[in-house]
Amino acid sequence: MPVKLNQKFSIEKAHKMQLQLSKQVIREDQLPNTINYVAGVDVAYTQETSIAAVAVLDYNSLSPVESQVTRLKTRFPYISTLLSFRELPPTLSVINKLRVQPDVFIVDGQGIAHPYRFGFAAHFGLEINRPTIGVAKSLLCGKVEPLKKQGWAPITDKGEVIGAALVTKSGQKPIYVSIGHRVSLERAINIVMDCTRNYRIPEPIRKAHMIAGEEKKRLRLT
């Protein structure tokens, strides 16, 4: 059955909360000069279950260090601009299992490239007070000049730079990188590029996505 909103929940109030919390997002680098471990976070869904996965990789080699997965009952429906309300509970649950502590998390979702400047990567980063980067496969808001070759172009909205459209592989569609928390946009772009190998999507998110997908298959077979 589809998830229904609590009658007391107000989308308008949620957006006001996002605007207020967005002021607490730190848009400057507060992560080590030398990064040892990077983590990717992703959430998959069945009809009633949220499946969160985290993959921790060695930053230099991108070899796997640790992975965890968790399943929770989905308690919030999909609403554009309010994804963090849906994905935060399972994501917090899965990262609490980690033994290795990553220096930075790359999140499958928007950071401040969001109408209320508080997408899932920003909300998650503020919640755990750790450096986070948002990487999305589509543009949620703002404008960007077309990119044909590898490189990046700023995403602008209402005169503000809120992220970057980044072509990681020539001839492929860009990904959309934005600050989550405690990282600058320039450093975020560099980290995402460092974590990209043979695919358009950076390896930490790609690995987390695969882990979540495998767990989803197992769940369907049981």
Protein backbone atom coordinates (compact mmCIF):
# COMPACT_ATOMS: atom_id res chain seq x y z
CA MET A 1 0.00 0.00 0.00
CA PRO A 2 1.25 3.54 -0.73
CA VAL A 3 2.61 5.53 2.19
CA LYS A 4 0.28 8.28 3.37
CA LEU A 5 1.13 11.54 5.08
CA ASN A 6 0.16 12.10 8.67
CA GLN A 7 -2.79 14.51 8.72
CA LYS A 8 -0.79 16.84 10.99
CA PHE A 9 2.05 17.10 8.48
CA SER A 10 2.21 20.35 6.52
CA ILE A 11 4.30 20.66 3.34
CA GLU A 12 4.35 24.42 3.83
CA LYS A 13 5.75 24.06 7.35
CA ALA A 14 8.32 21.55 6.10
CA HIS A 15 9.53 24.04 3.50
CA LYS A 16 9.78 26.77 6.14
CA MET A 17 11.84 24.42 8.29
CA GLN A 18 14.13 23.71 5.34
CA LEU A 19 14.70 27.42 4.78
CA GLN A 20 15.55 27.92 8.45
CA LEU A 21 17.90 24.94 8.65
CA SER A 22 19.60 25.88 5.37
CA LYS A 23 21.12 28.87 7.18
CA GLN A 24 23.08 26.44 9.36
CA VAL A 25 24.74 24.71 6.40
CA ILE A 26 28.49 25.39 6.34
CA ARG A 27 29.64 26.04 2.79
CA GLU A 28 33.37 26.07 3.58
CA ASP A 29 35.88 23.24 3.85
CA GLN A 30 35.95 21.60 7.25
CA LEU A 31 37.40 18.26 6.22
CA PRO A 32 40.96 16.95 6.38
CA ASN A 33 43.53 18.06 3.81
CA THR A 34 44.26 14.37 3.32
CA ILE A 35 41.18 12.20 2.86
CA ASN A 36 41.58 8.53 3.77
CA TYR A 37 38.04 7.18 3.46
CA VAL A 38 35.07 8.25 1.37
CA ALA A 39 31.57 6.80 1.66
CA GLY A 40 28.68 6.59 -0.76
CA VAL A 41 25.06 6.48 0.40
CA ASP A 42 22.00 5.30 -1.54
CA VAL A 43 18.45 4.18 -0.77
CA ALA A 44 16.34 1.73 -2.78
CA TYR A 45 12.66 0.92 -2.28
CA THR A 46 10.17 -1.87 -2.49
CA GLN A 47 6.49 -1.13 -2.05
CA GLU A 48 6.72 -0.76 1.73
CA THR A 49 10.44 -1.01 2.58
CA SER A 50 13.35 1.42 2.45
CA ILE A 51 16.70 -0.25 1.82
CA ALA A 52 19.66 1.96 2.72
CA ALA A 53 23.24 1.08 1.80
CA VAL A 54 26.58 2.66 2.60
CA ALA A 55 29.87 1.77 0.92
CA VAL A 56 33.17 2.97 2.41
CA LEU A 57 36.08 3.11 -0.02
CA ASP A 58 39.76 3.89 0.30
CA TYR A 59 40.07 7.37 -1.20
CA ASN A 60 43.25 6.76 -3.19
CA SER A 61 42.58 3.31 -4.59
CA LEU A 62 38.76 3.33 -4.40
CA SER A 63 38.98 -0.23 -3.15
CA PRO A 64 36.17 -1.36 -0.79
CA VAL A 65 36.82 -1.05 2.94
CA GLU A 66 33.40 -1.66 4.49
CA SER A 67 29.74 -1.83 3.50
CA GLN A 68 26.52 -1.99 5.44
CA VAL A 69 22.85 -2.30 4.56
CA THR A 70 19.64 -1.87 6.53
CA ARG A 71 15.92 -2.22 5.89
CA LEU A 72 13.20 -0.09 7.46
CA LYS A 73 9.49 0.32 6.86
CA THR A 74 8.94 3.34 4.62
CA ARG A 75 7.02 5.95 6.61
CA PHE A 76 7.04 8.96 4.28
CA PRO A 77 5.85 9.17 0.65
CA TYR A 78 7.90 10.51 -2.22
CA ILE A 79 7.42 14.28 -2.46
CA SER A 80 9.70 16.33 -4.67
CA THR A 81 11.82 18.78 -2.57
CA LEU A 82 11.12 16.74 0.59
CA LEU A 83 13.21 13.66 -0.20
CA SER A 84 15.24 13.93 3.01
CA PHE A 85 12.14 13.28 5.13
CA ARG A 86 11.82 9.93 3.35
CA GLU A 87 15.49 8.92 3.16
CA LEU A 88 17.00 10.27 6.38
CA PRO A 89 15.69 7.57 8.79
CA PRO A 90 17.09 4.56 6.85
CA THR A 91 20.33 6.40 6.04
CA LEU A 92 20.99 7.33 9.67
CA SER A 93 20.23 3.73 10.64
CA VAL A 94 22.75 2.26 8.18
CA ILE A 95 25.64 4.61 8.93
CA ASN A 96 25.27 3.85 12.64
CA LYS A 97 26.51 0.34 11.78
CA LEU A 98 29.83 1.58 10.39
CA ARG A 99 33.06 0.64 12.14
CA VAL A 100 35.22 2.77 9.81
CA GLN A 101 34.43 6.47 9.94
CA PRO A 102 34.57 8.16 6.51
CA ASP A 103 36.10 11.62 6.11
CA VAL A 104 33.37 12.62 3.66
CA PHE A 105 30.04 11.20 2.46
CA ILE A 106 28.88 11.42 -1.16
CA VAL A 107 25.10 11.26 -1.21
CA ASP A 108 22.79 10.26 -4.06
CA GLY A 109 20.67 13.43 -3.97
CA GLN A 110 20.77 17.21 -3.95
CA GLY A 111 22.69 19.34 -1.48
CA ILE A 112 21.98 23.08 -1.64
CA ALA A 113 21.02 22.82 -5.34
CA HIS A 114 17.45 22.78 -4.09
CA PRO A 115 14.62 25.35 -4.14
CA TYR A 116 14.89 25.71 -0.36
CA ARG A 117 18.70 25.18 -0.31
CA PHE A 118 18.26 22.10 1.84
CA GLY A 119 18.22 18.89 -0.12
CA PHE A 120 18.90 15.43 1.28
CA ALA A 121 22.72 15.77 1.28
CA ALA A 122 22.50 19.04 3.23
CA HIS A 123 19.92 17.70 5.69
CA PHE A 124 21.95 14.53 6.24
CA GLY A 125 25.21 16.47 6.67
CA LEU A 126 23.66 18.83 9.20
CA GLU A 127 22.10 15.92 11.09
CA ILE A 128 25.40 14.05 11.52
CA ASN A 129 27.60 17.19 11.46
CA ARG A 130 29.96 15.61 8.93
CA PRO A 131 31.20 16.73 5.48
CA THR A 132 28.72 15.71 2.77
CA ILE A 133 28.41 16.24 -0.98
CA GLY A 134 25.24 15.96 -3.04
CA VAL A 135 25.44 14.22 -6.42
CA ALA A 136 22.21 14.06 -8.42
CA LYS A 137 21.48 12.65 -11.85
CA SER A 138 18.99 15.38 -12.73
CA LEU A 139 18.65 19.12 -12.19
CA LEU A 140 16.06 20.04 -9.57
CA CYS A 141 16.27 23.83 -9.87
CA GLY A 142 18.40 26.55 -11.40
CA LYS A 143 19.95 26.99 -14.82
CA VAL A 144 23.19 25.80 -16.37
CA GLU A 145 24.89 26.39 -19.69
CA PRO A 146 25.12 23.27 -21.91
CA LEU A 147 28.33 21.27 -21.60
CA LYS A 148 29.69 19.23 -24.50
CA LYS A 149 33.06 18.05 -23.21
CA GLN A 150 34.48 17.09 -19.85
CA GLY A 151 34.45 19.95 -17.38
CA TRP A 152 31.88 21.78 -15.32
CA ALA A 153 29.61 24.79 -15.42
CA PRO A 154 27.91 26.56 -12.50
CA ILE A 155 24.27 25.99 -11.63
CA THR A 156 22.72 29.36 -10.88
CA ASP A 157 19.38 30.20 -9.30
CA LYS A 158 18.17 33.71 -8.53
CA GLY A 159 21.67 35.07 -9.03
CA GLU A 160 23.29 32.53 -6.66
CA VAL A 161 25.69 29.74 -7.59
CA ILE A 162 24.15 26.66 -5.98
CA GLY A 163 26.14 23.85 -7.60
CA ALA A 164 27.88 22.59 -10.69
CA ALA A 165 26.90 20.52 -13.70
CA LEU A 166 29.85 18.17 -14.10
CA VAL A 167 30.62 16.04 -17.14
CA THR A 168 32.64 13.13 -15.80
CA LYS A 169 32.69 11.20 -19.08
CA SER A 170 32.89 12.82 -22.50
CA GLY A 171 29.69 12.39 -24.50
CA GLN A 172 27.57 11.50 -21.46
CA LYS A 173 25.04 13.56 -19.54
CA PRO A 174 26.35 15.67 -16.65
CA ILE A 175 25.84 14.91 -13.00
CA TYR A 176 24.85 17.72 -10.64
CA VAL A 177 27.18 18.37 -7.72
CA SER A 178 26.38 20.63 -4.79
CA ILE A 179 27.50 21.40 -1.26
CA GLY A 180 25.94 19.21 1.39
CA HIS A 181 27.67 20.44 4.54
CA ARG A 182 31.17 21.47 5.66
CA VAL A 183 32.67 21.47 2.16
CA SER A 184 33.20 24.11 -0.53
CA LEU A 185 31.87 23.65 -4.04
CA GLU A 186 35.38 23.59 -5.51
CA ARG A 187 36.50 20.86 -3.13
CA ALA A 188 33.27 18.94 -3.73
CA ILE A 189 33.90 18.94 -7.49
CA ASN A 190 37.48 17.77 -7.00
CA ILE A 191 36.42 14.95 -4.66
CA VAL A 192 33.73 13.75 -7.06
CA MET A 193 36.23 13.75 -9.95
CA ASP A 194 38.77 11.86 -7.83
CA CYS A 195 36.11 9.24 -7.11
CA THR A 196 35.07 8.75 -10.73
CA ARG A 197 36.64 5.96 -12.78
CA ASN A 198 35.00 4.12 -15.68
CA TYR A 199 31.43 5.29 -15.15
CA ARG A 200 29.51 8.55 -15.12
CA ILE A 201 28.57 8.12 -11.43
CA PRO A 202 31.31 8.33 -8.77
CA GLU A 203 32.34 4.94 -7.40
CA PRO A 204 31.15 5.36 -3.77
CA ILE A 205 27.56 6.02 -4.88
CA ARG A 206 27.73 3.37 -7.61
CA LYS A 207 28.85 0.74 -5.09
CA ALA A 208 26.17 1.76 -2.57
CA HIS A 209 23.55 1.61 -5.32
CA MET A 210 24.65 -1.92 -6.26
CA ILE A 211 24.53 -3.08 -2.62
CA ALA A 212 21.03 -1.63 -2.14
CA GLY A 213 19.90 -3.22 -5.40
CA GLU A 214 21.21 -6.66 -4.38
CA GLU A 215 19.42 -6.42 -1.04
CA LYS A 216 16.23 -5.42 -2.84
CA LYS A 217 16.49 -8.53 -5.04
CA ARG A 218 16.99 -10.75 -1.98
CA LEU A 219 13.97 -9.19 -0.30
CA ARG A 220 11.79 -9.90 -3.32
CA LEU A 221 12.91 -13.53 -3.40
CA THR A 222 12.05 -14.18 0.26
